[in-house]
């Protein structure tokens, strides 16, 4: 009888030892990325929503892309049909939550579903600059570019503003790229995804002279050559930019 009790006890201990590694493995995965939810991107060709498509292609995450090819009004009607208070692009639906603002959407997706990817660690020496460029793209750069665009289209300028203008906000990016290969640190990151749209606006709409910004031109060649960017173009801009804005015909004399 004693022998049987000892044998049963040994079997029980062996079973517990076998279970223990699985428990440790489960604990080691705490804090890892959440399971990828259903993500739907509402999109207009050639607009800021490309950023989110590009991000998903870089990460290799699944998504559904909603737009009407070649028809901006019909694509916008799809956004309005959601009934959201602020119909704009990108509008992204994650499960049953409707989100706007490309920068916030990108940060959310990275934090929840791809931690450690396309962004330096918060304790990294590069994190502060990464975060700055993530927000500079819209907060200072795009805001000034479109403000000058509207003003210069209606009232062609003869002199440069005493305040910060398009050339100054683009020059800041040029100076950074003179010493760094990327905007977000030592590697390509989501900051580069955010910065491409406004820097394309600056040159495509003739707000600055592209020849005066060689570092930006070289950086554009690097980011647009990425396979994920090319996949984004195939999915989100198969016919190029639809409804392209006309460039300004006159800009103030350069201060460079």
Protein backbone atom coordinates (compact mmCIF):
# COMPACT_ATOMS: atom_id res chain seq x y z
CA UNK A 1 0.00 0.00 0.00
CA UNK A 2 2.81 2.39 0.91
CA UNK A 3 4.51 1.65 -2.42
CA UNK A 4 1.31 2.52 -4.31
CA UNK A 5 0.99 5.81 -2.43
CA UNK A 6 4.60 6.73 -3.23
CA UNK A 7 4.12 5.89 -6.93
CA UNK A 8 0.95 8.00 -7.15
CA UNK A 9 2.73 10.89 -5.42
CA UNK A 10 5.64 10.68 -7.87
CA UNK A 11 3.26 10.71 -10.84
CA UNK A 12 1.50 13.79 -9.45
CA UNK A 13 4.82 15.63 -8.99
CA UNK A 14 5.85 14.75 -12.56
CA UNK A 15 2.58 16.12 -13.89
CA UNK A 16 3.04 19.39 -11.99
CA UNK A 17 6.57 19.77 -13.36
CA UNK A 18 5.27 19.20 -16.89
CA UNK A 19 2.63 21.90 -16.44
CA UNK A 20 4.99 24.47 -14.93
CA UNK A 21 6.82 25.44 -18.17
CA UNK A 22 3.49 26.13 -19.91
CA UNK A 23 2.45 28.41 -17.05
CA UNK A 24 5.74 30.29 -17.24
CA UNK A 25 5.37 30.68 -21.00
CA UNK A 26 1.89 32.12 -20.61
CA UNK A 27 3.18 34.59 -18.03
CA UNK A 28 6.07 35.60 -20.29
CA UNK A 29 3.59 36.70 -22.94
CA UNK A 30 1.79 39.11 -20.65
CA UNK A 31 2.09 42.61 -22.12
CA UNK A 32 2.65 41.33 -25.66
CA UNK A 33 0.59 42.63 -28.54
CA UNK A 34 -3.14 42.08 -28.47
CA UNK A 35 -4.77 39.86 -31.05
CA UNK A 36 -5.29 41.88 -34.23
CA UNK A 37 -8.91 43.01 -34.48
CA UNK A 38 -10.93 43.79 -37.59
CA UNK A 39 -9.51 47.07 -38.96
CA UNK A 40 -11.32 48.95 -41.73
CA UNK A 41 -9.69 52.01 -43.31
CA UNK A 42 -11.92 54.54 -45.08
CA UNK A 43 -9.79 56.20 -47.68
CA UNK A 44 -9.49 58.95 -50.31
CA UNK A 45 -6.86 58.47 -53.01
CA UNK A 46 -3.77 60.60 -52.50
CA UNK A 47 -4.82 61.82 -49.06
CA UNK A 48 -3.63 61.29 -45.47
CA UNK A 49 -5.37 57.93 -45.20
CA UNK A 50 -2.48 56.50 -47.22
CA UNK A 51 -0.45 56.69 -44.03
CA UNK A 52 -2.54 54.07 -42.28
CA UNK A 53 -2.52 51.76 -45.31
CA UNK A 54 1.27 52.12 -45.53
CA UNK A 55 1.60 51.36 -41.82
CA UNK A 56 -0.44 48.18 -42.12
CA UNK A 57 1.64 47.05 -45.10
CA UNK A 58 4.86 47.69 -43.17
CA UNK A 59 3.56 45.67 -40.23
CA UNK A 60 2.06 42.90 -42.35
CA UNK A 61 -1.26 43.22 -40.51
CA UNK A 62 -4.61 42.49 -42.20
CA UNK A 63 -7.01 45.32 -42.97
CA UNK A 64 -10.00 46.16 -45.11
CA UNK A 65 -9.76 49.19 -47.39
CA UNK A 66 -12.93 51.06 -48.29
CA UNK A 67 -13.07 53.59 -51.14
CA UNK A 68 -14.59 54.04 -54.58
CA UNK A 69 -11.79 54.00 -57.13
CA UNK A 70 -11.49 57.28 -59.01
CA UNK A 71 -14.44 58.96 -57.26
CA UNK A 72 -13.64 61.16 -54.27
CA UNK A 73 -17.26 62.17 -53.68
CA UNK A 74 -18.44 58.56 -53.61
CA UNK A 75 -15.58 57.62 -51.29
CA UNK A 76 -16.51 60.48 -49.00
CA UNK A 77 -20.14 59.35 -49.05
CA UNK A 78 -18.98 56.03 -47.58
CA UNK A 79 -17.36 57.92 -44.71
CA UNK A 80 -20.49 60.01 -44.08
CA UNK A 81 -22.64 56.89 -44.09
CA UNK A 82 -20.92 55.82 -40.88
CA UNK A 83 -22.81 58.61 -39.12
CA UNK A 84 -19.73 59.88 -37.30
CA UNK A 85 -19.78 63.47 -36.02
CA UNK A 86 -16.51 64.30 -37.82
CA UNK A 87 -16.52 62.76 -41.34
CA UNK A 88 -12.92 62.96 -42.52
CA UNK A 89 -10.15 60.74 -43.82
CA UNK A 90 -8.64 58.71 -42.56
CA UNK A 91 -11.56 57.28 -40.65
CA UNK A 92 -10.67 53.91 -39.21
CA UNK A 93 -13.07 51.46 -37.61
CA UNK A 94 -11.46 49.07 -35.12
CA UNK A 95 -14.06 46.56 -33.98
CA UNK A 96 -16.96 48.90 -33.15
CA UNK A 97 -14.92 52.05 -32.45
CA UNK A 98 -14.67 54.85 -35.04
CA UNK A 99 -11.40 56.82 -34.97
CA UNK A 100 -10.03 59.84 -36.85
CA UNK A 101 -6.61 61.61 -36.95
CA UNK A 102 -3.89 59.66 -38.72
CA UNK A 103 -1.20 60.27 -36.10
CA UNK A 104 -3.38 59.03 -33.26
CA UNK A 105 -4.51 56.02 -35.29
CA UNK A 106 -0.91 55.07 -36.05
CA UNK A 107 0.18 55.40 -32.43
CA UNK A 108 -2.80 53.33 -31.26
CA UNK A 109 -2.15 50.50 -33.72
CA UNK A 110 1.53 50.36 -32.81
CA UNK A 111 0.90 50.44 -29.07
CA UNK A 112 -1.83 47.82 -29.08
CA UNK A 113 -1.00 45.47 -31.92
CA UNK A 114 2.69 45.95 -32.78
CA UNK A 115 4.63 47.08 -29.68
CA UNK A 116 8.30 47.57 -30.34
CA UNK A 117 7.84 48.01 -34.09
CA UNK A 118 8.36 51.18 -36.17
CA UNK A 119 9.12 53.29 -33.09
CA UNK A 120 12.07 53.50 -30.70
CA UNK A 121 11.55 52.39 -27.11
CA UNK A 122 10.34 55.13 -24.74
CA UNK A 123 13.65 54.98 -22.86
CA UNK A 124 15.65 55.27 -26.10
CA UNK A 125 17.75 58.34 -26.85
CA UNK A 126 15.76 58.66 -30.09
CA UNK A 127 12.26 58.55 -28.61
CA UNK A 128 11.85 62.27 -27.89
CA UNK A 129 12.78 63.29 -31.45
CA UNK A 130 10.63 60.49 -32.86
CA UNK A 131 7.62 61.78 -30.96
CA UNK A 132 8.39 65.37 -31.96
CA UNK A 133 8.43 64.55 -35.69
CA UNK A 134 5.28 62.43 -35.35
CA UNK A 135 3.42 65.54 -34.19
CA UNK A 136 5.39 68.13 -36.17
CA UNK A 137 4.12 66.58 -39.40
CA UNK A 138 0.60 67.91 -38.83
CA UNK A 139 0.93 70.33 -35.92
CA UNK A 140 3.45 72.68 -37.53
CA UNK A 141 4.41 71.49 -41.01
CA UNK A 142 1.10 70.67 -42.71
CA UNK A 143 -0.72 73.44 -40.85
CA UNK A 144 1.67 76.12 -42.15
CA UNK A 145 1.86 74.65 -45.67
CA UNK A 146 -1.91 74.66 -46.19
CA UNK A 147 -2.27 78.08 -44.58
CA UNK A 148 0.26 79.53 -47.00
CA UNK A 149 -1.29 77.60 -49.89
CA UNK A 150 -4.72 79.15 -49.34
CA UNK A 151 -3.26 82.62 -48.86
CA UNK A 152 -0.88 82.48 -51.81
CA UNK A 153 -3.55 81.11 -54.17
CA UNK A 154 -5.87 84.05 -53.49
CA UNK A 155 -3.22 86.75 -52.93
CA UNK A 156 0.08 85.96 -54.67
CA UNK A 157 2.82 87.19 -52.30
CA UNK A 158 5.54 89.68 -53.13
CA UNK A 159 7.49 89.34 -49.89
CA UNK A 160 8.09 86.75 -47.24
CA UNK A 161 6.17 86.77 -43.97
CA UNK A 162 7.96 87.95 -40.86
CA UNK A 163 6.49 84.91 -39.12
CA UNK A 164 7.37 81.26 -39.75
CA UNK A 165 6.31 80.30 -43.28
CA UNK A 166 6.47 77.27 -45.58
CA UNK A 167 10.14 77.59 -46.40
CA UNK A 168 11.09 77.79 -42.72
CA UNK A 169 9.11 74.72 -41.62
CA UNK A 170 10.51 72.67 -44.51
CA UNK A 171 14.03 73.94 -43.82
CA UNK A 172 13.80 72.54 -40.29
CA UNK A 173 13.22 69.07 -41.74
CA UNK A 174 16.02 69.57 -44.29
CA UNK A 175 18.48 70.49 -41.54
CA UNK A 176 17.58 67.38 -39.56
CA UNK A 177 18.10 65.13 -42.57
CA UNK A 178 21.51 66.68 -43.15
CA UNK A 179 22.65 64.80 -40.03
CA UNK A 180 20.22 61.87 -39.81
CA UNK A 181 19.01 59.27 -42.29
CA UNK A 182 15.51 59.03 -40.78
CA UNK A 183 13.13 61.21 -38.79
CA UNK A 184 12.44 58.80 -35.93
CA UNK A 185 15.88 57.61 -34.94
CA UNK A 186 18.45 55.18 -36.29
CA UNK A 187 15.89 53.24 -38.33
CA UNK A 188 12.85 53.90 -40.51
CA UNK A 189 9.83 54.49 -38.28
CA UNK A 190 6.26 55.72 -38.17
CA UNK A 191 7.64 59.28 -37.99
CA UNK A 192 8.82 58.86 -41.58
CA UNK A 193 5.34 57.67 -42.55
CA UNK A 194 3.85 60.80 -40.99
CA UNK A 195 6.34 63.21 -42.59
CA UNK A 196 6.04 62.11 -46.22
CA UNK A 197 2.58 63.57 -46.90
CA UNK A 198 3.34 67.19 -45.88
CA UNK A 199 6.75 67.19 -47.53
CA UNK A 200 5.11 65.99 -50.75
CA UNK A 201 2.59 68.82 -50.37
CA UNK A 202 5.42 71.34 -50.00
CA UNK A 203 7.06 70.42 -53.30
CA UNK A 204 4.08 69.21 -55.36
CA UNK A 205 2.14 72.41 -54.72
CA UNK A 206 5.18 74.61 -55.45
CA UNK A 207 5.26 76.04 -51.93
CA UNK A 208 9.04 75.53 -51.88
CA UNK A 209 11.68 74.95 -54.53
CA UNK A 210 12.44 71.23 -54.53
CA UNK A 211 16.00 71.89 -55.74
CA UNK A 212 16.80 73.76 -52.53
CA UNK A 213 16.14 70.70 -50.36
CA UNK A 214 18.43 67.87 -51.54
CA UNK A 215 18.36 65.99 -48.22
CA UNK A 216 14.58 65.77 -48.33
CA UNK A 217 14.74 64.61 -51.96
CA UNK A 218 17.19 61.83 -51.05
CA UNK A 219 15.06 60.78 -48.06
CA UNK A 220 11.96 60.63 -50.29
CA UNK A 221 13.76 58.26 -52.63
CA UNK A 222 14.59 55.97 -49.70
CA UNK A 223 11.10 55.82 -48.22
CA UNK A 224 9.19 55.52 -51.49
CA UNK A 225 11.43 52.65 -52.61
CA UNK A 226 10.31 50.53 -49.67
CA UNK A 227 8.30 47.46 -50.75
CA UNK A 228 5.54 48.27 -48.26
CA UNK A 229 5.16 51.75 -49.76
CA UNK A 230 4.88 50.26 -53.23
CA UNK A 231 2.22 47.83 -51.99
CA UNK A 232 0.36 50.77 -50.49
CA UNK A 233 0.38 52.56 -53.84
CA UNK A 234 -1.00 49.49 -55.61
CA UNK A 235 -3.82 49.17 -53.10
CA UNK A 236 -4.62 52.80 -52.29
CA UNK A 237 -3.55 54.84 -55.32
CA UNK A 238 -3.84 52.60 -58.40
CA UNK A 239 -4.57 55.58 -60.69
CA UNK A 240 -2.36 58.17 -59.03
CA UNK A 241 -3.64 61.15 -57.07
CA UNK A 242 -7.28 61.87 -57.88
CA UNK A 243 -8.41 65.50 -57.79
CA UNK A 244 -4.91 66.91 -57.41
CA UNK A 245 -4.83 70.49 -56.08
CA UNK A 246 -3.36 73.10 -58.47
CA UNK A 247 0.06 74.43 -57.43
CA UNK A 248 0.61 78.04 -56.46
CA UNK A 249 1.79 80.22 -59.31
CA UNK A 250 3.82 82.58 -57.17
CA UNK A 251 5.64 82.25 -53.88
CA UNK A 252 7.68 84.87 -51.99
CA UNK A 253 11.39 85.23 -52.69
CA UNK A 254 13.53 82.62 -50.97
CA UNK A 255 15.54 83.61 -47.90
CA UNK A 256 18.08 80.86 -48.49
